[in-house]
Amino acid sequence: MKLTTKEIMEIIPHRQPFLLIDTIEELEPGVRAVGRKCVSYNEPYFAGHFPQEPVMPGVLQIEALAQVGAVAILSKPENKGKTAYFGAINNAKFKTKVVPGDVLTLELEIIKEKGPIGVGKAVAKNQEGKITVSAELTFAIG
């Protein structure tokens, strides 16, 4: 299942400039999702990070992965209208810089879920297939 930006905004509460995913390319509700982010020079954070050498902040890469995970978990019918919040970020590893012109593929698989708490295994790759970041993200549904 593919989702447009408009359809993503029907599932998660994020809006510009903090909506950090453009599309969902694959979706298995409650199981996994694959999203896409086209990184452009117009991103507001590039004005200060860093003007001479624009680099997408690692924390925003993690947030983009979390938003993909939120789409996956909030697509379950019983979670419709709810919000997914961060519980923890574990084992985050930043491997490759993300710069304007990169296209990120953001993958998150739900590996554990108990009640309103869950854990996702997350990986972002650039258009060359190089891992930019990987992490284990814990969320709480509220």
Protein backbone atom coordinates (compact mmCIF):
# COMPACT_ATOMS: atom_id res chain seq x y z
CA MET A 1 0.00 0.00 0.00
CA LYS A 2 1.33 3.46 -0.93
CA LEU A 3 0.37 6.73 0.78
CA THR A 4 0.69 10.35 -0.35
CA THR A 5 1.63 13.23 1.94
CA LYS A 6 -2.07 14.06 2.35
CA GLU A 7 -2.87 10.49 3.37
CA ILE A 8 0.06 10.46 5.81
CA MET A 9 -1.35 13.60 7.47
CA GLU A 10 -4.65 11.78 7.98
CA ILE A 11 -2.79 9.25 10.17
CA ILE A 12 -0.16 11.26 12.06
CA PRO A 13 -0.50 14.79 13.50
CA HIS A 14 2.76 16.21 12.07
CA ARG A 15 2.61 19.19 9.71
CA GLN A 16 5.14 21.32 7.84
CA PRO A 17 7.82 22.18 8.66
CA PHE A 18 7.99 19.14 10.96
CA LEU A 19 6.46 16.52 8.69
CA LEU A 20 9.68 14.79 7.65
CA ILE A 21 8.37 12.13 5.27
CA ASP A 22 7.06 12.69 1.75
CA THR A 23 5.48 9.33 0.91
CA ILE A 24 4.93 5.86 2.25
CA GLU A 25 6.02 3.35 -0.38
CA GLU A 26 5.06 0.17 1.50
CA LEU A 27 2.72 -0.34 4.44
CA GLU A 28 1.71 -3.38 6.44
CA PRO A 29 -0.40 -1.86 9.26
CA GLY A 30 1.02 -2.76 12.65
CA VAL A 31 3.96 -4.61 11.09
CA ARG A 32 6.20 -2.36 8.98
CA ALA A 33 6.39 0.68 6.73
CA VAL A 34 8.84 2.08 4.21
CA GLY A 35 8.83 5.83 3.61
CA ARG A 36 10.66 8.29 1.42
CA LYS A 37 12.13 11.71 2.16
CA CYS A 38 13.54 13.88 -0.63
CA VAL A 39 16.01 16.22 1.06
CA SER A 40 16.14 19.67 -0.55
CA TYR A 41 18.13 22.86 0.04
CA ASN A 42 14.84 24.48 1.12
CA GLU A 43 14.68 22.50 4.38
CA PRO A 44 14.48 25.11 7.18
CA TYR A 45 17.22 23.49 9.30
CA PHE A 46 19.88 23.98 6.59
CA ALA A 47 19.96 27.74 7.32
CA GLY A 48 21.77 26.97 10.57
CA HIS A 49 23.08 23.40 10.23
CA PHE A 50 25.52 24.24 8.70
CA PRO A 51 25.32 27.20 6.26
CA GLN A 52 28.71 26.44 4.65
CA GLU A 53 28.14 22.66 4.53
CA PRO A 54 24.44 21.76 4.89
CA VAL A 55 23.92 18.46 6.74
CA MET A 56 20.58 17.00 7.87
CA PRO A 57 20.75 16.70 11.67
CA GLY A 58 20.88 13.12 12.91
CA VAL A 59 18.03 13.72 15.34
CA LEU A 60 15.80 14.71 12.41
CA GLN A 61 16.73 11.51 10.59
CA ILE A 62 15.63 9.62 13.71
CA GLU A 63 12.42 11.68 13.82
CA ALA A 64 11.71 10.84 10.16
CA LEU A 65 12.12 7.14 10.97
CA ALA A 66 9.81 7.55 13.97
CA GLN A 67 7.17 9.19 11.76
CA VAL A 68 7.32 6.20 9.39
CA GLY A 69 6.91 3.92 12.41
CA ALA A 70 3.99 6.01 13.65
CA VAL A 71 2.26 5.54 10.29
CA ALA A 72 2.78 1.77 10.62
CA ILE A 73 1.41 1.46 14.15
CA LEU A 74 -1.34 4.09 13.87
CA SER A 75 -2.66 2.43 10.69
CA LYS A 76 -4.05 -0.38 12.81
CA PRO A 77 -7.82 0.20 13.14
CA GLU A 78 -7.69 0.15 16.95
CA ASN A 79 -5.14 2.99 16.93
CA LYS A 80 -7.02 5.31 14.57
CA GLY A 81 -6.99 8.89 15.91
CA LYS A 82 -4.30 8.18 18.51
CA THR A 83 -0.75 9.56 18.74
CA ALA A 84 2.55 7.69 18.97
CA TYR A 85 5.11 9.22 21.34
CA PHE A 86 8.82 8.47 21.77
CA GLY A 87 9.66 6.23 24.70
CA ALA A 88 13.34 5.62 23.93
CA ILE A 89 16.02 5.69 21.27
CA ASN A 90 18.55 2.88 21.60
CA ASN A 91 21.65 1.86 19.69
CA ALA A 92 21.51 4.81 17.28
CA LYS A 93 24.38 4.73 14.81
CA PHE A 94 25.02 7.47 12.30
CA LYS A 95 26.98 6.15 9.33
CA THR A 96 26.73 8.58 6.40
CA LYS A 97 26.00 12.31 6.10
CA VAL A 98 22.67 13.36 4.60
CA VAL A 99 22.92 16.41 2.35
CA PRO A 100 20.61 18.32 0.01
CA GLY A 101 19.74 16.19 -3.01
CA ASP A 102 19.72 12.92 -1.09
CA VAL A 103 16.65 10.72 -1.21
CA LEU A 104 16.20 8.73 1.99
CA THR A 105 14.45 5.40 2.17
CA LEU A 106 13.18 5.05 5.74
CA GLU A 107 12.28 1.56 6.96
CA LEU A 108 10.77 0.62 10.30
CA GLU A 109 9.66 -2.83 11.40
CA ILE A 110 7.70 -3.33 14.62
CA ILE A 111 9.61 -6.04 16.48
CA LYS A 112 7.77 -6.01 19.81
CA GLU A 113 4.42 -4.76 21.03
CA LYS A 114 2.80 -5.13 24.45
CA GLY A 115 -0.25 -3.06 25.24
CA PRO A 116 0.37 0.57 24.31
CA ILE A 117 4.19 0.13 24.19
CA GLY A 118 6.17 -1.09 21.21
CA VAL A 119 9.63 -1.25 19.73
CA GLY A 120 10.67 -0.75 16.13
CA LYS A 121 13.87 -1.60 14.27
CA ALA A 122 14.68 1.39 12.06
CA VAL A 123 17.10 1.93 9.17
CA ALA A 124 17.53 4.86 6.78
CA LYS A 125 19.46 4.54 3.50
CA ASN A 126 20.41 7.09 0.89
CA GLN A 127 19.81 6.71 -2.86
CA GLU A 128 23.07 4.77 -3.16
CA GLY A 129 21.84 2.19 -0.64
CA LYS A 130 24.28 3.36 2.04
CA ILE A 131 22.95 3.28 5.60
CA THR A 132 22.75 6.79 7.03
CA VAL A 133 21.34 5.83 10.43
CA SER A 134 20.03 2.80 12.28
CA ALA A 135 18.36 2.60 15.68
CA GLU A 136 15.85 0.83 17.87
CA LEU A 137 12.90 3.11 18.65
CA THR A 138 10.47 2.58 21.52
CA PHE A 139 7.04 4.20 21.30
CA ALA A 140 3.96 4.63 23.43
CA ILE A 141 0.47 4.98 21.99
CA GLY A 142 -1.64 7.63 23.65
